[in-house]
């Protein structure tokens, strides 16, 4: 019996440590391992997963949409968007709109504990800027010598570089805050 007690206690410790790490990571500000390259729409002031952020109707009248003709006059502002770095996090919420936890962020996927029903999830995207710890300037790029995770479908930052002006480390600034799980620093 004693022979199995120590491995069992060790297993409980590992499971407990893993669970506490998941909860601790969730409450942190944007973590650089989650920073991906999507598109930035300056007209909307938001990150888009597509290079045309307001193009839901373009499939019906592609020619007018691309030309910005007729009702698509404003569409040219939302086309051919430039790439930008973004913090991509998944938030989980109770699926039932009668539940008190509906649209309130919960820390991990599973079953809603309050109403015992399924979760829904959606990606929350926030533009990321990189602030120099030395001179205080904000940059749209990840600095000198940044690295990306190899083999990912979406370009993802592995490590942030240094400030191009003075070589000091860069801080990651999430431009969307107060929307769970993007928390203020």
Protein backbone atom coordinates (compact mmCIF):
# COMPACT_ATOMS: atom_id res chain seq x y z
CA UNK A 1 0.00 0.00 0.00
CA UNK A 2 2.79 2.42 0.96
CA UNK A 3 4.45 1.62 -2.37
CA UNK A 4 1.58 3.31 -4.26
CA UNK A 5 1.00 6.20 -1.84
CA UNK A 6 3.98 8.36 -2.90
CA UNK A 7 3.29 8.12 -6.68
CA UNK A 8 -0.40 8.89 -6.01
CA UNK A 9 0.47 11.99 -3.97
CA UNK A 10 2.89 13.05 -6.71
CA UNK A 11 0.15 12.68 -9.33
CA UNK A 12 -2.27 14.77 -7.24
CA UNK A 13 0.39 17.48 -6.87
CA UNK A 14 1.00 17.60 -10.67
CA UNK A 15 -2.75 17.83 -11.45
CA UNK A 16 -3.25 20.55 -8.83
CA UNK A 17 -0.25 22.54 -10.07
CA UNK A 18 -1.43 22.29 -13.69
CA UNK A 19 -4.91 23.53 -12.80
CA UNK A 20 -3.58 26.47 -10.79
CA UNK A 21 -1.25 27.38 -13.68
CA UNK A 22 -4.18 27.46 -16.12
CA UNK A 23 -6.12 29.82 -13.85
CA UNK A 24 -3.08 32.00 -13.17
CA UNK A 25 -2.26 32.36 -16.87
CA UNK A 26 -5.80 33.38 -17.73
CA UNK A 27 -5.68 36.51 -15.56
CA UNK A 28 -2.42 37.78 -17.02
CA UNK A 29 -2.32 40.52 -19.68
CA UNK A 30 -1.71 39.49 -23.29
CA UNK A 31 1.04 36.95 -23.30
CA UNK A 32 3.50 37.15 -26.22
CA UNK A 33 2.98 33.50 -27.12
CA UNK A 34 -0.58 34.36 -28.16
CA UNK A 35 0.32 37.26 -30.43
CA UNK A 36 -0.59 36.51 -34.03
CA UNK A 37 -0.58 38.40 -37.30
CA UNK A 38 -4.01 39.42 -38.61
CA UNK A 39 -5.23 42.50 -40.49
CA UNK A 40 -5.84 46.00 -39.11
CA UNK A 41 -8.73 48.15 -40.35
CA UNK A 42 -8.01 51.78 -39.57
CA UNK A 43 -11.56 52.83 -40.53
CA UNK A 44 -13.11 50.40 -38.01
CA UNK A 45 -10.23 50.60 -35.51
CA UNK A 46 -10.25 46.83 -35.11
CA UNK A 47 -8.39 43.67 -35.99
CA UNK A 48 -9.91 41.43 -38.64
CA UNK A 49 -9.22 37.80 -39.49
CA UNK A 50 -9.78 38.68 -43.14
CA UNK A 51 -8.13 41.29 -45.40
CA UNK A 52 -11.59 42.73 -46.20
CA UNK A 53 -13.27 43.31 -42.87
CA UNK A 54 -16.69 44.50 -44.04
CA UNK A 55 -16.96 42.29 -47.11
CA UNK A 56 -19.89 40.06 -46.17
CA UNK A 57 -21.90 41.17 -49.22
CA UNK A 58 -19.08 41.23 -51.76
CA UNK A 59 -19.76 37.70 -52.95
CA UNK A 60 -23.03 38.89 -54.51
CA UNK A 61 -21.59 41.85 -56.37
CA UNK A 62 -17.82 41.54 -56.34
CA UNK A 63 -17.18 44.02 -59.17
CA UNK A 64 -19.06 46.93 -57.51
CA UNK A 65 -17.65 46.04 -54.11
CA UNK A 66 -14.05 46.15 -55.35
CA UNK A 67 -14.69 49.39 -57.25
CA UNK A 68 -16.47 51.03 -54.33
CA UNK A 69 -19.45 51.73 -56.59
CA UNK A 70 -23.05 52.39 -55.51
CA UNK A 71 -23.87 51.17 -52.02
CA UNK A 72 -20.26 49.95 -51.69
CA UNK A 73 -18.79 53.46 -51.83
CA UNK A 74 -17.35 53.15 -48.31
CA UNK A 75 -16.09 49.59 -48.88
CA UNK A 76 -12.71 50.63 -50.22
CA UNK A 77 -11.74 51.77 -46.70
CA UNK A 78 -12.20 48.18 -45.53
CA UNK A 79 -10.37 46.36 -48.35
CA UNK A 80 -6.78 45.18 -48.75
CA UNK A 81 -6.04 45.78 -45.08
CA UNK A 82 -2.44 45.90 -43.83
CA UNK A 83 -1.13 43.16 -41.55
CA UNK A 84 -0.75 43.94 -37.85
CA UNK A 85 0.05 42.08 -34.64
CA UNK A 86 -2.88 41.10 -32.47
CA UNK A 87 -3.52 39.37 -29.18
CA UNK A 88 -5.87 36.48 -29.83
CA UNK A 89 -7.58 34.95 -26.82
CA UNK A 90 -10.56 32.65 -26.60
CA UNK A 91 -13.29 33.54 -24.12
CA UNK A 92 -15.81 31.01 -22.85
CA UNK A 93 -19.34 31.91 -21.74
CA UNK A 94 -22.46 30.06 -20.66
CA UNK A 95 -24.61 29.38 -23.72
CA UNK A 96 -28.03 29.82 -22.11
CA UNK A 97 -29.30 33.41 -22.29
CA UNK A 98 -31.44 32.80 -19.16
CA UNK A 99 -28.34 31.95 -17.12
CA UNK A 100 -26.78 34.58 -14.85
CA UNK A 101 -23.36 33.68 -16.34
CA UNK A 102 -24.54 34.40 -19.92
CA UNK A 103 -21.96 36.57 -21.74
CA UNK A 104 -19.73 36.62 -18.66
CA UNK A 105 -16.24 35.31 -19.18
CA UNK A 106 -15.33 32.07 -17.44
CA UNK A 107 -11.76 30.82 -16.98
CA UNK A 108 -11.80 27.58 -18.97
CA UNK A 109 -13.95 25.44 -21.27
CA UNK A 110 -16.31 22.84 -19.91
CA UNK A 111 -19.87 22.93 -18.64
CA UNK A 112 -21.43 26.05 -17.15
CA UNK A 113 -21.42 25.38 -13.38
CA UNK A 114 -24.31 27.76 -12.67
CA UNK A 115 -26.90 26.36 -15.10
CA UNK A 116 -25.26 23.04 -16.02
CA UNK A 117 -25.37 23.70 -19.78
CA UNK A 118 -22.87 24.01 -22.61
CA UNK A 119 -20.45 26.86 -23.19
CA UNK A 120 -20.01 28.97 -26.26
CA UNK A 121 -16.66 30.38 -27.22
CA UNK A 122 -15.40 33.19 -29.40
CA UNK A 123 -12.07 34.73 -30.20
CA UNK A 124 -11.36 38.17 -28.80
CA UNK A 125 -8.87 40.06 -30.95
CA UNK A 126 -6.97 43.10 -29.78
CA UNK A 127 -4.36 45.13 -31.62
CA UNK A 128 -0.93 44.95 -30.01
CA UNK A 129 1.64 47.72 -29.82
CA UNK A 130 5.17 47.34 -28.51
CA UNK A 131 6.37 50.00 -26.05
CA UNK A 132 10.05 50.59 -25.44
CA UNK A 133 10.94 50.34 -21.74
CA UNK A 134 13.75 52.86 -22.26
CA UNK A 135 12.52 55.73 -24.46
CA UNK A 136 8.76 55.05 -24.10
CA UNK A 137 8.00 55.07 -27.85
CA UNK A 138 5.30 52.76 -29.15
CA UNK A 139 5.97 50.63 -32.23
CA UNK A 140 3.70 48.52 -34.43
CA UNK A 141 6.46 45.96 -35.05
CA UNK A 142 7.88 43.48 -32.54
CA UNK A 143 11.37 44.99 -32.48
CA UNK A 144 14.83 43.92 -33.60
CA UNK A 145 15.47 40.20 -33.46
CA UNK A 146 11.93 39.00 -32.69
CA UNK A 147 11.22 35.37 -33.55
CA UNK A 148 8.14 33.52 -34.77
CA UNK A 149 6.87 30.03 -34.01
CA UNK A 150 7.78 27.77 -36.92
CA UNK A 151 5.09 25.76 -38.67
CA UNK A 152 2.04 27.72 -37.49
CA UNK A 153 -0.67 28.47 -40.04
CA UNK A 154 -0.96 32.03 -38.70
CA UNK A 155 2.32 33.83 -38.03
CA UNK A 156 2.75 33.79 -34.24
CA UNK A 157 5.41 35.55 -32.18
CA UNK A 158 7.65 33.29 -30.11
CA UNK A 159 9.83 36.03 -28.57
CA UNK A 160 9.64 39.80 -28.74
CA UNK A 161 12.74 41.68 -29.91
CA UNK A 162 14.32 44.86 -28.61
CA UNK A 163 13.59 48.53 -29.21
CA UNK A 164 14.97 49.66 -32.59
CA UNK A 165 15.92 53.06 -31.10
CA UNK A 166 17.84 52.17 -27.94
CA UNK A 167 18.03 48.34 -27.77
CA UNK A 168 16.01 48.09 -24.53
CA UNK A 169 13.33 45.42 -24.04
CA UNK A 170 9.79 46.00 -25.35
CA UNK A 171 6.56 45.80 -23.36
CA UNK A 172 3.48 44.36 -25.04
CA UNK A 173 0.52 46.75 -24.93
CA UNK A 174 -2.97 45.39 -25.60
CA UNK A 175 -5.12 48.16 -27.13
CA UNK A 176 -8.34 46.47 -26.04
CA UNK A 177 -8.74 46.29 -22.29
CA UNK A 178 -11.63 45.71 -19.98
CA UNK A 179 -13.08 43.09 -22.33
CA UNK A 180 -12.55 39.69 -20.78
CA UNK A 181 -10.05 38.12 -21.07
CA UNK A 182 -8.04 41.20 -22.08
CA UNK A 183 -7.26 42.69 -18.70
CA UNK A 184 -5.63 46.02 -17.90
CA UNK A 185 -2.10 46.01 -16.55
